[in-house]
Amino acid sequence: MTDISPEAEPEEPVKKKVVLELEVTTNNSGINPFERWVHLAKTVDAWRIFPRIFVTVYIVLLYDVVTWFMELKEPNLEQAGLVSIVVGAMAAVFGIYAGTNKQSKAFKGGD
């Protein structure tokens, strides 16, 4: 068992030089096997597919909620509150969607 005392000096880290030889064969052609996936990801990002789907689904939800509310004979306070929240959230969703484009990403330091 080693004795650890406050007077013991810490050992210095061991430093070694390593020589590495690489051999390039015909199997290592430099082609990225994931190049198609990267291209697909960039295309989905450029076309903004998921934000557009999200906004479209929310518009359908908003339409259904508003038409449901208008068909009610005597809407109560809770139902009016639900419609108010859904309509107000649509403004926030659209504001976020309209505020995130390629130009704003470049302005904020993104790609």
Protein backbone atom coordinates (compact mmCIF):
# COMPACT_ATOMS: atom_id res chain seq x y z
CA MET A 1 0.00 0.00 0.00
CA THR A 2 1.34 3.41 -0.93
CA ASP A 3 1.59 6.16 1.60
CA ILE A 4 -0.01 9.41 0.41
CA SER A 5 1.30 12.32 2.34
CA PRO A 6 1.02 16.05 1.72
CA GLU A 7 4.80 16.23 1.20
CA ALA A 8 4.74 13.77 -1.72
CA GLU A 9 5.31 15.50 -5.05
CA PRO A 10 2.99 14.57 -7.92
CA GLU A 11 4.55 12.58 -10.72
CA GLU A 12 5.00 14.32 -14.03
CA PRO A 13 2.98 12.95 -16.95
CA VAL A 14 4.80 10.67 -19.33
CA LYS A 15 5.29 12.17 -22.78
CA LYS A 16 5.98 9.97 -25.79
CA LYS A 17 6.33 10.67 -29.49
CA VAL A 18 4.37 8.42 -31.79
CA VAL A 19 5.17 7.90 -35.44
CA LEU A 20 2.12 7.01 -37.49
CA GLU A 21 2.26 5.71 -41.02
CA LEU A 22 -0.88 5.72 -43.16
CA GLU A 23 -1.28 3.74 -46.31
CA VAL A 24 -3.84 4.87 -48.86
CA THR A 25 -5.28 1.98 -50.79
CA THR A 26 -7.80 1.78 -53.59
CA ASN A 27 -10.50 1.06 -51.00
CA ASN A 28 -9.94 4.48 -49.44
CA SER A 29 -11.12 6.59 -52.38
CA GLY A 30 -12.15 9.61 -50.29
CA ILE A 31 -15.84 9.36 -51.17
CA ASN A 32 -18.08 10.07 -48.22
CA PRO A 33 -20.60 7.19 -47.90
CA PHE A 34 -23.03 9.53 -46.14
CA GLU A 35 -22.92 12.26 -48.81
CA ARG A 36 -26.50 11.55 -49.92
CA TRP A 37 -27.79 11.79 -46.35
CA VAL A 38 -26.00 15.10 -45.86
CA HIS A 39 -27.48 16.41 -49.09
CA LEU A 40 -30.96 15.27 -48.00
CA ALA A 41 -30.56 16.96 -44.61
CA LYS A 42 -29.48 20.22 -46.26
CA THR A 43 -32.42 20.04 -48.66
CA VAL A 44 -34.92 19.46 -45.84
CA ASP A 45 -33.38 22.37 -43.94
CA ALA A 46 -33.41 24.66 -46.98
CA TRP A 47 -37.01 23.87 -47.88
CA ARG A 48 -38.08 24.21 -44.23
CA ILE A 49 -40.31 21.15 -44.54
CA PHE A 50 -40.98 20.52 -40.84
CA PRO A 51 -41.86 24.13 -39.93
CA ARG A 52 -44.24 24.27 -42.89
CA ILE A 53 -45.90 21.00 -41.86
CA PHE A 54 -46.20 22.25 -38.28
CA VAL A 55 -47.78 25.56 -39.33
CA THR A 56 -50.15 23.77 -41.75
CA VAL A 57 -51.33 21.37 -39.04
CA TYR A 58 -51.82 24.27 -36.63
CA ILE A 59 -53.88 26.16 -39.23
CA VAL A 60 -56.14 23.10 -39.61
CA LEU A 61 -56.45 22.90 -35.82
CA LEU A 62 -57.29 26.61 -35.64
CA TYR A 63 -59.92 26.27 -38.36
CA ASP A 64 -61.56 23.28 -36.65
CA VAL A 65 -61.61 24.98 -33.24
CA VAL A 66 -63.08 28.22 -34.60
CA THR A 67 -65.78 26.48 -36.65
CA TRP A 68 -66.63 24.28 -33.63
CA PHE A 69 -66.95 27.38 -31.46
CA MET A 70 -69.16 29.19 -33.97
CA GLU A 71 -71.54 26.21 -34.16
CA LEU A 72 -72.14 26.20 -30.39
CA LYS A 73 -75.61 27.41 -29.35
CA GLU A 74 -74.52 28.91 -26.02
CA PRO A 75 -70.74 28.96 -25.57
CA ASN A 76 -69.56 29.24 -21.98
CA LEU A 77 -66.50 30.93 -20.50
CA GLU A 78 -64.28 27.85 -20.66
CA GLN A 79 -64.99 27.27 -24.34
CA ALA A 80 -64.32 30.92 -25.15
CA GLY A 81 -61.06 30.71 -23.21
CA LEU A 82 -59.97 27.66 -25.22
CA VAL A 83 -60.63 29.44 -28.51
CA SER A 84 -58.84 32.53 -27.26
CA ILE A 85 -55.74 30.53 -26.35
CA VAL A 86 -55.68 28.64 -29.67
CA VAL A 87 -56.08 31.85 -31.70
CA GLY A 88 -53.47 33.69 -29.61
CA ALA A 89 -51.02 30.83 -29.93
CA MET A 90 -51.46 30.93 -33.71
CA ALA A 91 -50.08 34.45 -33.69
CA ALA A 92 -47.03 33.23 -31.77
CA VAL A 93 -46.55 30.23 -34.07
CA PHE A 94 -46.73 32.41 -37.17
CA GLY A 95 -44.40 34.98 -35.63
CA ILE A 96 -41.78 32.33 -34.87
CA TYR A 97 -42.19 30.79 -38.34
CA ALA A 98 -41.86 34.15 -40.11
CA GLY A 99 -38.89 35.15 -37.96
CA THR A 100 -36.73 32.11 -38.76
CA ASN A 101 -35.45 32.26 -42.28
CA LYS A 102 -32.02 31.81 -43.81
CA GLN A 103 -31.34 35.56 -43.73
CA SER A 104 -32.03 35.82 -39.99
CA LYS A 105 -29.82 32.77 -39.31
CA ALA A 106 -26.95 34.39 -41.22
CA PHE A 107 -27.49 37.65 -39.36
CA LYS A 108 -27.34 35.91 -35.97
CA GLY A 109 -24.12 34.10 -36.84
CA GLY A 110 -25.52 30.81 -38.15
CA ASP A 111 -24.57 29.13 -41.41
